[in-house]
Amino acid sequence: MTGASDGRRNVQTCLDALKRAGAAISVK
């Protein structure tokens, strides 16, 4: 990661993967 935007992008894609798997994720 080269900056904060990369970290935010990685977290968002993790949340997306969890939701695709069926997890009830409430955070952003």
Full PDB file with SEQRES, HELIX, SHEET, SSBOND, CRYST1, ORIGX, SCALE, CONECT and MASTER records, all heavy atoms in Angstrom:
SEQRES   1 A   28  MET THR GLY ALA SER ASP GLY ARG ARG ASN VAL GLN THR          
SEQRES   2 A   28  CYS LEU ASP ALA LEU LYS ARG ALA GLY ALA ALA ILE SER          
SEQRES   3 A   28  VAL LYS                                                      
HELIX    1 AA1 ALA A    4  ALA A   21  1                                  18    
CRYST1    1.000    1.000    1.000  90.00  90.00  90.00 P 1           1          
ORIGX1      1.000000  0.000000  0.000000        0.00000                         
ORIGX2      0.000000  1.000000  0.000000        0.00000                         
ORIGX3      0.000000  0.000000  1.000000        0.00000                         
SCALE1      1.000000  0.000000  0.000000        0.00000                         
SCALE2      0.000000  1.000000  0.000000        0.00000                         
SCALE3      0.000000  0.000000  1.000000        0.00000                         
ATOM      1  N   MET A   1       0.841  -1.192   0.000  1.00  0.00           N  
ATOM      2  CA  MET A   1       0.000   0.000   0.000  1.00  0.00           C  
ATOM      3  C   MET A   1       0.876   1.242   0.000  1.00  0.00           C  
ATOM      4  O   MET A   1       1.854   1.315   0.740  1.00  0.00           O  
ATOM      5  CB  MET A   1      -0.925  -0.004   1.223  1.00  0.00           C  
ATOM      6  CG  MET A   1      -1.924  -1.151   1.248  1.00  0.00           C  
ATOM      7  SD  MET A   1      -3.055  -1.057   2.660  1.00  0.00           S  
ATOM      8  CE  MET A   1      -1.912  -1.218   4.027  1.00  0.00           C  
ATOM      9  N   THR A   2       0.510   2.201  -0.799  1.00  0.00           N  
ATOM     10  CA  THR A   2       1.318   3.419  -0.906  1.00  0.00           C  
ATOM     11  C   THR A   2       0.656   4.632  -0.265  1.00  0.00           C  
ATOM     12  O   THR A   2       1.241   5.711  -0.224  1.00  0.00           O  
ATOM     13  CB  THR A   2       1.602   3.740  -2.379  1.00  0.00           C  
ATOM     14  OG1 THR A   2       0.363   3.893  -3.080  1.00  0.00           O  
ATOM     15  CG2 THR A   2       2.412   2.609  -3.014  1.00  0.00           C  
ATOM     16  N   GLY A   3      -0.577   4.451   0.235  1.00  0.00           N  
ATOM     17  CA  GLY A   3      -1.260   5.578   0.861  1.00  0.00           C  
ATOM     18  C   GLY A   3      -2.556   5.143   1.510  1.00  0.00           C  
ATOM     19  O   GLY A   3      -2.961   3.981   1.430  1.00  0.00           O  
ATOM     20  N   ALA A   4      -3.221   6.105   2.157  1.00  0.00           N  
ATOM     21  CA  ALA A   4      -4.463   5.816   2.871  1.00  0.00           C  
ATOM     22  C   ALA A   4      -5.553   5.310   1.937  1.00  0.00           C  
ATOM     23  O   ALA A   4      -6.381   4.485   2.324  1.00  0.00           O  
ATOM     24  CB  ALA A   4      -4.942   7.062   3.609  1.00  0.00           C  
ATOM     25  N   SER A   5      -5.552   5.787   0.701  1.00  0.00           N  
ATOM     26  CA  SER A   5      -6.598   5.361  -0.233  1.00  0.00           C  
ATOM     27  C   SER A   5      -6.484   3.876  -0.551  1.00  0.00           C  
ATOM     28  O   SER A   5      -7.501   3.193  -0.737  1.00  0.00           O  
ATOM     29  CB  SER A   5      -6.518   6.184  -1.521  1.00  0.00           C  
ATOM     30  OG  SER A   5      -5.264   5.999  -2.164  1.00  0.00           O  
ATOM     31  N   ASP A   6      -5.250   3.360  -0.590  1.00  0.00           N  
ATOM     32  CA  ASP A   6      -5.063   1.926  -0.824  1.00  0.00           C  
ATOM     33  C   ASP A   6      -5.615   1.115   0.343  1.00  0.00           C  
ATOM     34  O   ASP A   6      -6.253   0.076   0.157  1.00  0.00           O  
ATOM     35  CB  ASP A   6      -3.576   1.595  -1.017  1.00  0.00           C  
ATOM     36  CG  ASP A   6      -3.034   2.101  -2.342  1.00  0.00           C  
ATOM     37  OD1 ASP A   6      -3.848   2.403  -3.233  1.00  0.00           O  
ATOM     38  OD2 ASP A   6      -1.794   2.204  -2.468  1.00  0.00           O  
ATOM     39  N   GLY A   7      -5.363   1.591   1.556  1.00  0.00           N  
ATOM     40  CA  GLY A   7      -5.878   0.896   2.730  1.00  0.00           C  
ATOM     41  C   GLY A   7      -7.398   0.881   2.751  1.00  0.00           C  
ATOM     42  O   GLY A   7      -8.017  -0.147   3.048  1.00  0.00           O  
ATOM     43  N   ARG A   8      -8.002   2.011   2.435  1.00  0.00           N  
ATOM     44  CA  ARG A   8      -9.460   2.097   2.403  1.00  0.00           C  
ATOM     45  C   ARG A   8     -10.027   1.177   1.320  1.00  0.00           C  
ATOM     46  O   ARG A   8     -11.044   0.513   1.515  1.00  0.00           O  
ATOM     47  CB  ARG A   8      -9.889   3.538   2.151  1.00  0.00           C  
ATOM     48  CG  ARG A   8     -11.382   3.787   2.321  1.00  0.00           C  
ATOM     49  CD  ARG A   8     -11.724   5.252   2.154  1.00  0.00           C  
ATOM     50  NE  ARG A   8     -11.080   6.080   3.181  1.00  0.00           N  
ATOM     51  CZ  ARG A   8     -10.024   6.852   2.981  1.00  0.00           C  
ATOM     52  NH1 ARG A   8      -9.454   6.896   1.777  1.00  0.00           N  
ATOM     53  NH2 ARG A   8      -9.494   7.570   3.959  1.00  0.00           N  
ATOM     54  N   ARG A   9      -9.361   1.128   0.195  1.00  0.00           N  
ATOM     55  CA  ARG A   9      -9.818   0.266  -0.901  1.00  0.00           C  
ATOM     56  C   ARG A   9      -9.745  -1.200  -0.490  1.00  0.00           C  
ATOM     57  O   ARG A   9     -10.661  -1.982  -0.762  1.00  0.00           O  
ATOM     58  CB  ARG A   9      -8.954   0.514  -2.137  1.00  0.00           C  
ATOM     59  CG  ARG A   9      -9.295  -0.390  -3.325  1.00  0.00           C  
ATOM     60  CD  ARG A   9      -8.380  -0.079  -4.494  1.00  0.00           C  
ATOM     61  NE  ARG A   9      -8.617  -0.982  -5.605  1.00  0.00           N  
ATOM     62  CZ  ARG A   9      -7.943  -0.949  -6.746  1.00  0.00           C  
ATOM     63  NH1 ARG A   9      -7.005  -0.027  -6.933  1.00  0.00           N  
ATOM     64  NH2 ARG A   9      -8.205  -1.803  -7.702  1.00  0.00           N  
ATOM     65  N   ASN A  10      -8.651  -1.582   0.160  1.00  0.00           N  
ATOM     66  CA  ASN A  10      -8.504  -2.978   0.592  1.00  0.00           C  
ATOM     67  C   ASN A  10      -9.570  -3.360   1.611  1.00  0.00           C  
ATOM     68  O   ASN A  10     -10.131  -4.460   1.568  1.00  0.00           O  
ATOM     69  CB  ASN A  10      -7.112  -3.207   1.183  1.00  0.00           C  
ATOM     70  CG  ASN A  10      -6.034  -3.254   0.107  1.00  0.00           C  
ATOM     71  OD1 ASN A  10      -6.331  -3.376  -1.078  1.00  0.00           O  
ATOM     72  ND2 ASN A  10      -4.787  -3.138   0.526  1.00  0.00           N  
ATOM     73  N   VAL A  11      -9.848  -2.461   2.569  1.00  0.00           N  
ATOM     74  CA  VAL A  11     -10.872  -2.750   3.568  1.00  0.00           C  
ATOM     75  C   VAL A  11     -12.235  -2.888   2.903  1.00  0.00           C  
ATOM     76  O   VAL A  11     -13.014  -3.792   3.224  1.00  0.00           O  
ATOM     77  CB  VAL A  11     -10.901  -1.661   4.659  1.00  0.00           C  
ATOM     78  CG1 VAL A  11     -12.130  -1.828   5.557  1.00  0.00           C  
ATOM     79  CG2 VAL A  11      -9.631  -1.720   5.500  1.00  0.00           C  
ATOM     80  N   GLN A  12     -12.539  -2.000   1.970  1.00  0.00           N  
ATOM     81  CA  GLN A  12     -13.829  -2.054   1.289  1.00  0.00           C  
ATOM     82  C   GLN A  12     -14.003  -3.364   0.528  1.00  0.00           C  
ATOM     83  O   GLN A  12     -15.075  -3.969   0.537  1.00  0.00           O  
ATOM     84  CB  GLN A  12     -13.978  -0.873   0.325  1.00  0.00           C  
ATOM     85  CG  GLN A  12     -15.339  -0.818  -0.366  1.00  0.00           C  
ATOM     86  CD  GLN A  12     -16.476  -0.699   0.629  1.00  0.00           C  
ATOM     87  OE1 GLN A  12     -16.511   0.236   1.429  1.00  0.00           O  
ATOM     88  NE2 GLN A  12     -17.405  -1.651   0.612  1.00  0.00           N  
ATOM     89  N   THR A  13     -12.956  -3.818  -0.133  1.00  0.00           N  
ATOM     90  CA  THR A  13     -13.073  -5.067  -0.879  1.00  0.00           C  
ATOM     91  C   THR A  13     -13.209  -6.267   0.056  1.00  0.00           C  
ATOM     92  O   THR A  13     -13.872  -7.248  -0.283  1.00  0.00           O  
ATOM     93  CB  THR A  13     -11.879  -5.256  -1.827  1.00  0.00           C  
ATOM     94  OG1 THR A  13     -10.658  -5.075  -1.121  1.00  0.00           O  
ATOM     95  CG2 THR A  13     -11.932  -4.266  -2.971  1.00  0.00           C  
ATOM     96  N   CYS A  14     -12.619  -6.178   1.238  1.00  0.00           N  
ATOM     97  CA  CYS A  14     -12.819  -7.227   2.251  1.00  0.00           C  
ATOM     98  C   CYS A  14     -14.283  -7.261   2.692  1.00  0.00           C  
ATOM     99  O   CYS A  14     -14.894  -8.338   2.782  1.00  0.00           O  
ATOM    100  CB  CYS A  14     -11.930  -6.978   3.464  1.00  0.00           C  
ATOM    101  SG  CYS A  14     -10.182  -7.313   3.207  1.00  0.00           S  
ATOM    102  N   LEU A  15     -14.838  -6.096   2.960  1.00  0.00           N  
ATOM    103  CA  LEU A  15     -16.241  -6.022   3.370  1.00  0.00           C  
ATOM    104  C   LEU A  15     -17.152  -6.558   2.268  1.00  0.00           C  
ATOM    105  O   LEU A  15     -18.126  -7.268   2.545  1.00  0.00           O  
ATOM    106  CB  LEU A  15     -16.618  -4.584   3.715  1.00  0.00           C  
ATOM    107  CG  LEU A  15     -15.840  -3.920   4.860  1.00  0.00           C  
ATOM    108  CD1 LEU A  15     -16.373  -2.511   5.115  1.00  0.00           C  
ATOM    109  CD2 LEU A  15     -15.898  -4.759   6.133  1.00  0.00           C  
ATOM    110  N   ASP A  16     -16.833  -6.240   1.017  1.00  0.00           N  
ATOM    111  CA  ASP A  16     -17.630  -6.728  -0.108  1.00  0.00           C  
ATOM    112  C   ASP A  16     -17.582  -8.258  -0.191  1.00  0.00           C  
ATOM    113  O   ASP A  16     -18.600  -8.916  -0.447  1.00  0.00           O  
ATOM    114  CB  ASP A  16     -17.128  -6.127  -1.422  1.00  0.00           C  
ATOM    115  CG  ASP A  16     -17.414  -4.635  -1.534  1.00  0.00           C  
ATOM    116  OD1 ASP A  16     -18.265  -4.132  -0.774  1.00  0.00           O  
ATOM    117  OD2 ASP A  16     -16.763  -3.967  -2.361  1.00  0.00           O  
ATOM    118  N   ALA A  17     -16.385  -8.822   0.017  1.00  0.00           N  
ATOM    119  CA  ALA A  17     -16.245 -10.279  -0.044  1.00  0.00           C  
ATOM    120  C   ALA A  17     -17.027 -10.960   1.072  1.00  0.00           C  
ATOM    121  O   ALA A  17     -17.653 -11.998   0.866  1.00  0.00           O  
ATOM    122  CB  ALA A  17     -14.765 -10.664   0.047  1.00  0.00           C  
ATOM    123  N   LEU A  18     -16.996 -10.375   2.262  1.00  0.00           N  
ATOM    124  CA  LEU A  18     -17.751 -10.931   3.388  1.00  0.00           C  
ATOM    125  C   LEU A  18     -19.249 -10.899   3.107  1.00  0.00           C  
ATOM    126  O   LEU A  18     -19.966 -11.863   3.390  1.00  0.00           O  
ATOM    127  CB  LEU A  18     -17.428 -10.157   4.661  1.00  0.00           C  
ATOM    128  CG  LEU A  18     -16.030 -10.392   5.247  1.00  0.00           C  
ATOM    129  CD1 LEU A  18     -15.670  -9.293   6.236  1.00  0.00           C  
ATOM    130  CD2 LEU A  18     -15.960 -11.759   5.921  1.00  0.00           C  
ATOM    131  N   LYS A  19     -19.724  -9.794   2.533  1.00  0.00           N  
ATOM    132  CA  LYS A  19     -21.146  -9.687   2.218  1.00  0.00           C  
ATOM    133  C   LYS A  19     -21.549 -10.667   1.124  1.00  0.00           C  
ATOM    134  O   LYS A  19     -22.632 -11.265   1.175  1.00  0.00           O  
ATOM    135  CB  LYS A  19     -21.474  -8.251   1.802  1.00  0.00           C  
ATOM    136  CG  LYS A  19     -21.383  -7.246   2.949  1.00  0.00           C  
ATOM    137  CD  LYS A  19     -21.614  -5.818   2.467  1.00  0.00           C  
ATOM    138  CE  LYS A  19     -21.486  -4.829   3.614  1.00  0.00           C  
ATOM    139  NZ  LYS A  19     -21.660  -3.429   3.156  1.00  0.00           N  
ATOM    140  N   ARG A  20     -20.669 -10.860   0.149  1.00  0.00           N  
ATOM    141  CA  ARG A  20     -20.977 -11.834  -0.913  1.00  0.00           C  
ATOM    142  C   ARG A  20     -21.096 -13.241  -0.336  1.00  0.00           C  
ATOM    143  O   ARG A  20     -21.880 -14.065  -0.822  1.00  0.00           O  
ATOM    144  CB  ARG A  20     -19.888 -11.821  -1.993  1.00  0.00           C  
ATOM    145  CG  ARG A  20     -19.964 -10.666  -2.958  1.00  0.00           C  
ATOM    146  CD  ARG A  20     -19.144 -10.942  -4.223  1.00  0.00           C  
ATOM    147  NE  ARG A  20     -17.732 -11.131  -3.942  1.00  0.00           N  
ATOM    148  CZ  ARG A  20     -16.840 -10.130  -3.867  1.00  0.00           C  
ATOM    149  NH1 ARG A  20     -17.243  -8.884  -4.034  1.00  0.00           N  
ATOM    150  NH2 ARG A  20     -15.573 -10.382  -3.625  1.00  0.00           N  
ATOM    151  N   ALA A  21     -20.314 -13.492   0.708  1.00  0.00           N  
ATOM    152  CA  ALA A  21     -20.351 -14.822   1.334  1.00  0.00           C  
ATOM    153  C   ALA A  21     -21.573 -15.001   2.226  1.00  0.00           C  
ATOM    154  O   ALA A  21     -21.854 -16.114   2.670  1.00  0.00           O  
ATOM    155  CB  ALA A  21     -19.073 -15.039   2.154  1.00  0.00           C  
ATOM    156  N   GLY A  22     -22.282 -13.897   2.512  1.00  0.00           N  
ATOM    157  CA  GLY A  22     -23.488 -13.994   3.319  1.00  0.00           C  
ATOM    158  C   GLY A  22     -23.377 -13.430   4.713  1.00  0.00           C  
ATOM    159  O   GLY A  22     -24.303 -13.549   5.519  1.00  0.00           O  
ATOM    160  N   ALA A  23     -22.240 -12.808   5.043  1.00  0.00           N  
ATOM    161  CA  ALA A  23     -22.060 -12.238   6.378  1.00  0.00           C  
ATOM    162  C   ALA A  23     -22.865 -10.950   6.522  1.00  0.00           C  
ATOM    163  O   ALA A  23     -22.958 -10.161   5.581  1.00  0.00           O  
ATOM    164  CB  ALA A  23     -20.577 -11.949   6.635  1.00  0.00           C  
ATOM    165  N   ALA A  24     -23.435 -10.763   7.690  1.00  0.00           N  
ATOM    166  CA  ALA A  24     -24.196  -9.541   7.974  1.00  0.00           C  
ATOM    167  C   ALA A  24     -23.233  -8.494   8.515  1.00  0.00           C  
ATOM    168  O   ALA A  24     -22.947  -8.437   9.714  1.00  0.00           O  
ATOM    169  CB  ALA A  24     -25.296  -9.827   8.985  1.00  0.00           C  
ATOM    170  N   ILE A  25     -22.691  -7.689   7.632  1.00  0.00           N  
ATOM    171  CA  ILE A  25     -21.693  -6.681   7.993  1.00  0.00           C  
ATOM    172  C   ILE A  25     -22.356  -5.311   8.036  1.00  0.00           C  
ATOM    173  O   ILE A  25     -22.965  -4.877   7.053  1.00  0.00           O  
ATOM    174  CB  ILE A  25     -20.531  -6.665   6.985  1.00  0.00           C  
ATOM    175  CG1 ILE A  25     -19.871  -8.051   6.915  1.00  0.00           C  
ATOM    176  CG2 ILE A  25     -19.515  -5.600   7.354  1.00  0.00           C  
ATOM    177  CD1 ILE A  25     -19.266  -8.520   8.212  1.00  0.00           C  
ATOM    178  N   SER A  26     -22.226  -4.630   9.170  1.00  0.00           N  
ATOM    179  CA  SER A  26     -22.916  -3.348   9.348  1.00  0.00           C  
ATOM    180  C   SER A  26     -21.990  -2.137   9.271  1.00  0.00           C  
ATOM    181  O   SER A  26     -22.463  -1.011   9.213  1.00  0.00           O  
ATOM    182  CB  SER A  26     -23.639  -3.328  10.700  1.00  0.00           C  
ATOM    183  OG  SER A  26     -22.705  -3.442  11.768  1.00  0.00           O  
ATOM    184  N   VAL A  27     -20.675  -2.361   9.277  1.00  0.00           N  
ATOM    185  CA  VAL A  27     -19.747  -1.234   9.305  1.00  0.00           C  
ATOM    186  C   VAL A  27     -19.342  -0.828   7.891  1.00  0.00           C  
ATOM    187  O   VAL A  27     -19.496  -1.594   6.937  1.00  0.00           O  
ATOM    188  CB  VAL A  27     -18.489  -1.565  10.136  1.00  0.00           C  
ATOM    189  CG1 VAL A  27     -18.871  -1.974  11.539  1.00  0.00           C  
ATOM    190  CG2 VAL A  27     -17.664  -2.656   9.462  1.00  0.00           C  
ATOM    191  N   LYS A  28     -18.799   0.377   7.783  1.00  0.00           N  
ATOM    192  CA  LYS A  28     -18.311   0.899   6.514  1.00  0.00           C  
ATOM    193  C   LYS A  28     -16.796   1.041   6.577  1.00  0.00           C  
ATOM    194  O   LYS A  28     -16.218   1.207   7.656  1.00  0.00           O  
ATOM    195  CB  LYS A  28     -18.954   2.251   6.221  1.00  0.00           C  
ATOM    196  CG  LYS A  28     -20.474   2.196   6.121  1.00  0.00           C  
ATOM    197  CD  LYS A  28     -21.059   3.578   5.910  1.00  0.00           C  
ATOM    198  CE  LYS A  28     -22.571   3.541   5.838  1.00  0.00           C  
ATOM    199  NZ  LYS A  28     -23.159   4.894   5.679  1.00  0.00           N  
TER     200      LYS A  28                                                      
MASTER        0    0    0    1    0    0    0    6  199    1    0    3          
END                                                                             
